[in-house]
């Protein structure tokens, strides 16, 4: 799943994002309601983990704005408020579920799975670039129907490219997207993962370099169909 965490407490957001990435989810973090609104408008998310008490724009107002816009994204509210009336307000604003802080990561994972099951009848759109396909519903990647086995970070990098086809992504951008709390790995780590991705795609049958180096800028994914 692609998940947006809108949480202003870094002590909660970062460990939560790390745990979700270990489960092979792609995760973005926003630290206030306005930033969360901008993220939600700029990308397609499967789930938003939304703190109730946020600076600039509170969680209830943000949830209402998203629903008024017609957004169908799953919204799970995270809050320290445990009164029934608070839960009712959150659910009436359009939230799909409500989790009280502090919570166990295992319970959150179970709630995410439950929300996912609600949407089983709606198939997530495949991400396709020529002969290369990524299925977000089961995290499977194929090239000419041949499975390509990737590590979680390789998968997230490839998904990032497929969601922004023909757009140049710098190493710094990829680091910001995938390694918010492991910046010490450096940009050379991105280069290593790109090399491994290219090798695995070539083994699967790609006769050309799908992930293109744009010298001095970064990388981009281009069509795998021959010109």
C-alpha atoms as a PDB file:
ATOM      1  CA  UNK A   1       0.000   0.000   0.000  1.00  0.00           C
ATOM      2  CA  UNK A   2       1.002   3.613  -0.393  1.00  0.00           C
ATOM      3  CA  UNK A   3       0.480   5.267   2.989  1.00  0.00           C
ATOM      4  CA  UNK A   4       0.552   8.896   4.108  1.00  0.00           C
ATOM      5  CA  UNK A   5       1.278   9.562   7.783  1.00  0.00           C
ATOM      6  CA  UNK A   6       0.101  12.986   8.970  1.00  0.00           C
ATOM      7  CA  UNK A   7       1.591  13.308  12.445  1.00  0.00           C
ATOM      8  CA  UNK A   8       3.452  16.188  14.067  1.00  0.00           C
ATOM      9  CA  UNK A   9       5.181  14.072  16.755  1.00  0.00           C
ATOM     10  CA  UNK A  10       8.415  12.780  15.234  1.00  0.00           C
ATOM     11  CA  UNK A  11       8.741  10.185  18.015  1.00  0.00           C
ATOM     12  CA  UNK A  12       5.594   8.542  16.681  1.00  0.00           C
ATOM     13  CA  UNK A  13       5.856   9.221  12.952  1.00  0.00           C
ATOM     14  CA  UNK A  14       9.385   7.927  12.322  1.00  0.00           C
ATOM     15  CA  UNK A  15       9.150   4.537  14.108  1.00  0.00           C
ATOM     16  CA  UNK A  16       5.714   4.040  12.569  1.00  0.00           C
ATOM     17  CA  UNK A  17       7.029   4.778   9.081  1.00  0.00           C
ATOM     18  CA  UNK A  18       9.968   2.425   9.621  1.00  0.00           C
ATOM     19  CA  UNK A  19       7.702  -0.423  10.698  1.00  0.00           C
ATOM     20  CA  UNK A  20       5.379   0.096   7.726  1.00  0.00           C
ATOM     21  CA  UNK A  21       8.287   0.167   5.273  1.00  0.00           C
ATOM     22  CA  UNK A  22       9.513  -3.124   6.695  1.00  0.00           C
ATOM     23  CA  UNK A  23       6.094  -4.473   5.716  1.00  0.00           C
ATOM     24  CA  UNK A  24       6.841  -3.342   2.135  1.00  0.00           C
ATOM     25  CA  UNK A  25       4.540  -0.312   2.180  1.00  0.00           C
ATOM     26  CA  UNK A  26       5.571   2.957   0.534  1.00  0.00           C
ATOM     27  CA  UNK A  27       5.314   5.734   3.128  1.00  0.00           C
ATOM     28  CA  UNK A  28       5.314   9.551   3.110  1.00  0.00           C
ATOM     29  CA  UNK A  29       5.220  11.769   6.205  1.00  0.00           C
ATOM     30  CA  UNK A  30       3.571  15.176   6.670  1.00  0.00           C
ATOM     31  CA  UNK A  31       4.088  17.111   9.907  1.00  0.00           C
ATOM     32  CA  UNK A  32       1.020  19.373   9.865  1.00  0.00           C
ATOM     33  CA  UNK A  33      -2.452  19.549   8.363  1.00  0.00           C
ATOM     34  CA  UNK A  34      -1.584  21.914   5.529  1.00  0.00           C
ATOM     35  CA  UNK A  35       1.380  19.811   4.433  1.00  0.00           C
ATOM     36  CA  UNK A  36      -0.810  16.710   4.700  1.00  0.00           C
ATOM     37  CA  UNK A  37      -3.421  18.327   2.457  1.00  0.00           C
ATOM     38  CA  UNK A  38      -0.747  19.127  -0.151  1.00  0.00           C
ATOM     39  CA  UNK A  39       0.591  15.559  -0.062  1.00  0.00           C
ATOM     40  CA  UNK A  40      -2.921  14.139  -0.420  1.00  0.00           C
ATOM     41  CA  UNK A  41      -3.531  16.314  -3.488  1.00  0.00           C
ATOM     42  CA  UNK A  42      -0.237  15.500  -5.174  1.00  0.00           C
ATOM     43  CA  UNK A  43      -0.296  11.673  -5.034  1.00  0.00           C
ATOM     44  CA  UNK A  44      -2.672   8.716  -4.893  1.00  0.00           C
ATOM     45  CA  UNK A  45      -2.658   7.046  -1.470  1.00  0.00           C
ATOM     46  CA  UNK A  46      -4.335   3.840  -0.340  1.00  0.00           C
ATOM     47  CA  UNK A  47      -4.400   4.881   3.320  1.00  0.00           C
ATOM     48  CA  UNK A  48      -3.921   8.015   5.424  1.00  0.00           C
ATOM     49  CA  UNK A  49      -2.939   7.685   9.091  1.00  0.00           C
ATOM     50  CA  UNK A  50      -4.236  10.979  10.440  1.00  0.00           C
ATOM     51  CA  UNK A  51      -3.478  12.532  13.813  1.00  0.00           C
ATOM     52  CA  UNK A  52      -6.447  14.358  15.286  1.00  0.00           C
ATOM     53  CA  UNK A  53      -4.534  17.243  16.882  1.00  0.00           C
ATOM     54  CA  UNK A  54      -2.382  18.873  14.201  1.00  0.00           C
ATOM     55  CA  UNK A  55      -0.864  22.335  13.776  1.00  0.00           C
ATOM     56  CA  UNK A  56      -2.166  24.663  11.024  1.00  0.00           C
ATOM     57  CA  UNK A  57      -5.123  22.400  10.132  1.00  0.00           C
ATOM     58  CA  UNK A  58      -6.627  19.869  12.546  1.00  0.00           C
ATOM     59  CA  UNK A  59      -7.357  16.268  11.592  1.00  0.00           C
ATOM     60  CA  UNK A  60     -11.148  16.603  11.672  1.00  0.00           C
ATOM     61  CA  UNK A  61     -11.119  19.579   9.295  1.00  0.00           C
ATOM     62  CA  UNK A  62      -8.633  17.870   6.987  1.00  0.00           C
ATOM     63  CA  UNK A  63     -10.713  14.698   6.914  1.00  0.00           C
ATOM     64  CA  UNK A  64     -13.833  16.692   6.030  1.00  0.00           C
ATOM     65  CA  UNK A  65     -11.983  18.537   3.252  1.00  0.00           C
ATOM     66  CA  UNK A  66     -10.830  15.275   1.709  1.00  0.00           C
ATOM     67  CA  UNK A  67     -14.315  13.770   1.808  1.00  0.00           C
ATOM     68  CA  UNK A  68     -15.913  16.943   0.451  1.00  0.00           C
ATOM     69  CA  UNK A  69     -13.494  16.725  -2.452  1.00  0.00           C
ATOM     70  CA  UNK A  70     -14.712  13.192  -3.131  1.00  0.00           C
ATOM     71  CA  UNK A  71     -11.616  11.357  -1.905  1.00  0.00           C
ATOM     72  CA  UNK A  72     -12.206   7.637  -1.270  1.00  0.00           C
ATOM     73  CA  UNK A  73      -8.849   7.026   0.437  1.00  0.00           C
ATOM     74  CA  UNK A  74      -9.031   5.013   3.659  1.00  0.00           C
ATOM     75  CA  UNK A  75      -8.511   7.273   6.687  1.00  0.00           C
ATOM     76  CA  UNK A  76      -7.478   5.867  10.061  1.00  0.00           C
ATOM     77  CA  UNK A  77      -7.410   8.480  12.822  1.00  0.00           C
ATOM     78  CA  UNK A  78      -4.732   8.314  15.510  1.00  0.00           C
ATOM     79  CA  UNK A  79      -5.441  10.254  18.697  1.00  0.00           C
ATOM     80  CA  UNK A  80      -5.002  10.326  22.455  1.00  0.00           C
ATOM     81  CA  UNK A  81      -8.664  11.331  22.878  1.00  0.00           C
ATOM     82  CA  UNK A  82     -10.595   8.276  24.021  1.00  0.00           C
ATOM     83  CA  UNK A  83     -14.069   9.628  24.712  1.00  0.00           C
ATOM     84  CA  UNK A  84     -16.913   8.069  22.747  1.00  0.00           C
ATOM     85  CA  UNK A  85     -17.984  11.538  21.620  1.00  0.00           C
ATOM     86  CA  UNK A  86     -14.516  12.135  20.115  1.00  0.00           C
ATOM     87  CA  UNK A  87     -14.737   8.854  18.200  1.00  0.00           C
ATOM     88  CA  UNK A  88     -18.180   9.764  16.894  1.00  0.00           C
ATOM     89  CA  UNK A  89     -16.934  13.152  15.689  1.00  0.00           C
ATOM     90  CA  UNK A  90     -14.009  11.507  13.880  1.00  0.00           C
ATOM     91  CA  UNK A  91     -16.146   8.851  12.225  1.00  0.00           C
ATOM     92  CA  UNK A  92     -18.829  11.372  11.268  1.00  0.00           C
ATOM     93  CA  UNK A  93     -16.124  13.516   9.650  1.00  0.00           C
ATOM     94  CA  UNK A  94     -15.426  10.617   7.294  1.00  0.00           C
ATOM     95  CA  UNK A  95     -12.780   8.493   9.017  1.00  0.00           C
ATOM     96  CA  UNK A  96     -12.940   4.735   8.389  1.00  0.00           C
ATOM     97  CA  UNK A  97     -11.403   3.736  11.723  1.00  0.00           C
ATOM     98  CA  UNK A  98     -10.127   5.224  14.968  1.00  0.00           C
ATOM     99  CA  UNK A  99      -7.123   4.113  17.050  1.00  0.00           C
ATOM    100  CA  UNK A 100      -6.266   5.412  20.526  1.00  0.00           C
ATOM    101  CA  UNK A 101      -2.700   6.393  21.439  1.00  0.00           C
ATOM    102  CA  UNK A 102      -0.591   4.749  22.699  1.00  0.00           C
ATOM    103  CA  UNK A 103      -1.150   1.717  20.496  1.00  0.00           C
ATOM    104  CA  UNK A 104       0.739  -1.432  19.607  1.00  0.00           C
ATOM    105  CA  UNK A 105       2.136  -1.685  16.090  1.00  0.00           C
ATOM    106  CA  UNK A 106       0.606  -5.168  15.821  1.00  0.00           C
ATOM    107  CA  UNK A 107      -2.876  -3.752  16.377  1.00  0.00           C
ATOM    108  CA  UNK A 108      -2.302  -1.033  13.791  1.00  0.00           C
ATOM    109  CA  UNK A 109      -1.123  -3.640  11.276  1.00  0.00           C
ATOM    110  CA  UNK A 110      -4.279  -5.685  11.932  1.00  0.00           C
ATOM    111  CA  UNK A 111      -6.465  -2.628  11.394  1.00  0.00           C
ATOM    112  CA  UNK A 112      -4.687  -1.844   8.135  1.00  0.00           C
ATOM    113  CA  UNK A 113      -5.291  -5.414   6.951  1.00  0.00           C
ATOM    114  CA  UNK A 114      -8.968  -5.090   7.880  1.00  0.00           C
ATOM    115  CA  UNK A 115      -9.290  -1.874   5.875  1.00  0.00           C
ATOM    116  CA  UNK A 116      -7.546  -3.546   2.929  1.00  0.00           C
ATOM    117  CA  UNK A 117     -10.087  -6.369   2.948  1.00  0.00           C
ATOM    118  CA  UNK A 118     -12.902  -3.839   2.541  1.00  0.00           C
ATOM    119  CA  UNK A 119     -11.485  -2.930  -0.849  1.00  0.00           C
ATOM    120  CA  UNK A 120     -10.864  -6.403  -2.234  1.00  0.00           C
ATOM    121  CA  UNK A 121     -13.591  -5.990  -4.854  1.00  0.00           C
ATOM    122  CA  UNK A 122     -11.847  -2.948  -6.275  1.00  0.00           C
ATOM    123  CA  UNK A 123      -8.623  -3.895  -8.006  1.00  0.00           C
ATOM    124  CA  UNK A 124      -5.843  -1.383  -7.635  1.00  0.00           C
ATOM    125  CA  UNK A 125      -4.675  -0.167 -11.046  1.00  0.00           C
ATOM    126  CA  UNK A 126      -1.579  -1.821 -12.426  1.00  0.00           C
ATOM    127  CA  UNK A 127       1.448   0.400 -12.916  1.00  0.00           C
ATOM    128  CA  UNK A 128       2.666  -0.339 -16.435  1.00  0.00           C
ATOM    129  CA  UNK A 129       5.555   0.875 -18.553  1.00  0.00           C
ATOM    130  CA  UNK A 130       5.782  -1.151 -21.746  1.00  0.00           C
ATOM    131  CA  UNK A 131       6.498  -4.779 -20.799  1.00  0.00           C
ATOM    132  CA  UNK A 132       7.153  -3.843 -17.172  1.00  0.00           C
ATOM    133  CA  UNK A 133       4.238  -4.232 -14.732  1.00  0.00           C
ATOM    134  CA  UNK A 134       3.862  -3.607 -11.010  1.00  0.00           C
ATOM    135  CA  UNK A 135       0.752  -4.817  -9.201  1.00  0.00           C
ATOM    136  CA  UNK A 136       0.240  -2.803  -5.965  1.00  0.00           C
ATOM    137  CA  UNK A 137      -2.389  -5.262  -4.699  1.00  0.00           C
ATOM    138  CA  UNK A 138       0.148  -8.043  -4.167  1.00  0.00           C
ATOM    139  CA  UNK A 139       3.470  -6.176  -4.577  1.00  0.00           C
ATOM    140  CA  UNK A 140       4.415  -8.296  -7.595  1.00  0.00           C
ATOM    141  CA  UNK A 141       6.631  -7.083 -10.433  1.00  0.00           C
ATOM    142  CA  UNK A 142       6.839  -8.768 -13.823  1.00  0.00           C
ATOM    143  CA  UNK A 143       8.661  -8.142 -17.088  1.00  0.00           C
ATOM    144  CA  UNK A 144       7.007  -9.814 -20.086  1.00  0.00           C
ATOM    145  CA  UNK A 145       5.060 -11.848 -17.483  1.00  0.00           C
ATOM    146  CA  UNK A 146       8.338 -13.092 -15.934  1.00  0.00           C
ATOM    147  CA  UNK A 147       8.381 -12.442 -12.150  1.00  0.00           C
ATOM    148  CA  UNK A 148      11.084 -10.040 -10.945  1.00  0.00           C
ATOM    149  CA  UNK A 149      11.990 -10.616  -7.303  1.00  0.00           C
ATOM    150  CA  UNK A 150      12.954  -7.372  -5.580  1.00  0.00           C
ATOM    151  CA  UNK A 151      13.973  -6.307  -2.109  1.00  0.00           C
ATOM    152  CA  UNK A 152      11.551  -3.911  -0.334  1.00  0.00           C
ATOM    153  CA  UNK A 153      13.680  -0.860  -1.160  1.00  0.00           C
ATOM    154  CA  UNK A 154      14.169  -1.920  -4.779  1.00  0.00           C
ATOM    155  CA  UNK A 155      10.397  -2.342  -5.022  1.00  0.00           C
ATOM    156  CA  UNK A 156       9.737   1.104  -3.563  1.00  0.00           C
ATOM    157  CA  UNK A 157      12.255   2.740  -5.915  1.00  0.00           C
ATOM    158  CA  UNK A 158      10.680   1.055  -8.946  1.00  0.00           C
ATOM    159  CA  UNK A 159       7.183   2.029  -7.807  1.00  0.00           C
ATOM    160  CA  UNK A 160       8.361   5.621  -7.434  1.00  0.00           C
ATOM    161  CA  UNK A 161       9.591   5.594 -11.049  1.00  0.00           C
ATOM    162  CA  UNK A 162       6.408   3.957 -12.346  1.00  0.00           C
ATOM    163  CA  UNK A 163       4.231   6.552 -10.626  1.00  0.00           C
ATOM    164  CA  UNK A 164       6.274   9.316 -12.271  1.00  0.00           C
ATOM    165  CA  UNK A 165       7.102   7.951 -15.753  1.00  0.00           C
ATOM    166  CA  UNK A 166       9.582   9.963 -17.833  1.00  0.00           C
ATOM    167  CA  UNK A 167      10.184  12.292 -14.882  1.00  0.00           C
ATOM    168  CA  UNK A 168      13.799  12.709 -13.765  1.00  0.00           C
ATOM    169  CA  UNK A 169      14.262  11.711 -10.119  1.00  0.00           C
ATOM    170  CA  UNK A 170      17.479  12.744  -8.402  1.00  0.00           C
ATOM    171  CA  UNK A 171      19.211  10.577  -5.823  1.00  0.00           C
ATOM    172  CA  UNK A 172      18.347  13.196  -3.209  1.00  0.00           C
ATOM    173  CA  UNK A 173      14.631  12.940  -4.071  1.00  0.00           C
ATOM    174  CA  UNK A 174      14.724   9.154  -3.765  1.00  0.00           C
ATOM    175  CA  UNK A 175      16.506   9.436  -0.430  1.00  0.00           C
ATOM    176  CA  UNK A 176      13.871  11.868   0.839  1.00  0.00           C
ATOM    177  CA  UNK A 177      11.106   9.498  -0.233  1.00  0.00           C
ATOM    178  CA  UNK A 178      12.551   6.259   1.107  1.00  0.00           C
ATOM    179  CA  UNK A 179      15.132   6.918   3.785  1.00  0.00           C
ATOM    180  CA  UNK A 180      13.770   9.675   6.018  1.00  0.00           C
ATOM    181  CA  UNK A 181      15.451   8.170   9.052  1.00  0.00           C
ATOM    182  CA  UNK A 182      18.501   6.535   7.438  1.00  0.00           C
ATOM    183  CA  UNK A 183      20.129   9.445   5.630  1.00  0.00           C
ATOM    184  CA  UNK A 184      23.566   8.199   6.757  1.00  0.00           C
ATOM    185  CA  UNK A 185      23.421   5.587   3.999  1.00  0.00           C
ATOM    186  CA  UNK A 186      24.126   8.356   1.473  1.00  0.00           C
ATOM    187  CA  UNK A 187      23.352   8.761  -2.220  1.00  0.00           C
ATOM    188  CA  UNK A 188      25.692   5.921  -3.193  1.00  0.00           C
ATOM    189  CA  UNK A 189      23.098   3.555  -1.709  1.00  0.00           C
ATOM    190  CA  UNK A 190      20.622   4.699  -4.357  1.00  0.00           C
ATOM    191  CA  UNK A 191      23.194   4.004  -7.072  1.00  0.00           C
ATOM    192  CA  UNK A 192      23.651   0.472  -5.741  1.00  0.00           C
ATOM    193  CA  UNK A 193      19.900  -0.225  -5.742  1.00  0.00           C
ATOM    194  CA  UNK A 194      19.534   1.182  -9.265  1.00  0.00           C
ATOM    195  CA  UNK A 195      22.353  -1.113 -10.440  1.00  0.00           C
ATOM    196  CA  UNK A 196      20.637  -4.115  -8.848  1.00  0.00           C
ATOM    197  CA  UNK A 197      17.294  -3.170 -10.391  1.00  0.00           C
ATOM    198  CA  UNK A 198      18.817  -2.926 -13.847  1.00  0.00           C
ATOM    199  CA  UNK A 199      20.538  -6.296 -13.418  1.00  0.00           C
ATOM    200  CA  UNK A 200      17.344  -8.039 -12.296  1.00  0.00           C
ATOM    201  CA  UNK A 201      15.320  -6.546 -15.150  1.00  0.00           C
ATOM    202  CA  UNK A 202      17.974  -7.645 -17.629  1.00  0.00           C
ATOM    203  CA  UNK A 203      17.864 -11.179 -16.233  1.00  0.00           C
ATOM    204  CA  UNK A 204      14.065 -11.101 -16.690  1.00  0.00           C
ATOM    205  CA  UNK A 205      14.537 -10.340 -20.397  1.00  0.00           C
ATOM    206  CA  UNK A 206      14.970  -6.590 -20.821  1.00  0.00           C
ATOM    207  CA  UNK A 207      17.247  -5.913 -23.789  1.00  0.00           C
ATOM    208  CA  UNK A 208      17.658  -2.223 -23.034  1.00  0.00           C
ATOM    209  CA  UNK A 209      18.270  -0.018 -20.004  1.00  0.00           C
ATOM    210  CA  UNK A 210      14.808   0.746 -18.653  1.00  0.00           C
ATOM    211  CA  UNK A 211      16.119   2.981 -15.873  1.00  0.00           C
ATOM    212  CA  UNK A 212      18.049   5.652 -17.726  1.00  0.00           C
ATOM    213  CA  UNK A 213      20.810   7.773 -16.229  1.00  0.00           C
ATOM    214  CA  UNK A 214      20.341  11.467 -16.906  1.00  0.00           C
ATOM    215  CA  UNK A 215      23.875  12.675 -16.328  1.00  0.00           C
ATOM    216  CA  UNK A 216      24.210  15.471 -13.825  1.00  0.00           C
ATOM    217  CA  UNK A 217      20.553  15.165 -12.800  1.00  0.00           C
ATOM    218  CA  UNK A 218      19.465  11.666 -11.779  1.00  0.00           C
ATOM    219  CA  UNK A 219      17.436   8.824 -13.277  1.00  0.00           C
ATOM    220  CA  UNK A 220      14.201   8.293 -15.157  1.00  0.00           C
ATOM    221  CA  UNK A 221      12.114   5.372 -16.331  1.00  0.00           C
ATOM    222  CA  UNK A 222      11.267   5.286 -20.021  1.00  0.00           C
ATOM    223  CA  UNK A 223       9.161   2.991 -22.176  1.00  0.00           C
ATOM    224  CA  UNK A 224      10.382  -0.569 -22.492  1.00  0.00           C
ATOM    225  CA  UNK A 225       8.910  -0.873 -25.996  1.00  0.00           C
ATOM    226  CA  UNK A 226      11.467  -0.737 -28.804  1.00  0.00           C
ATOM    227  CA  UNK A 227      11.550   2.444 -30.821  1.00  0.00           C
END
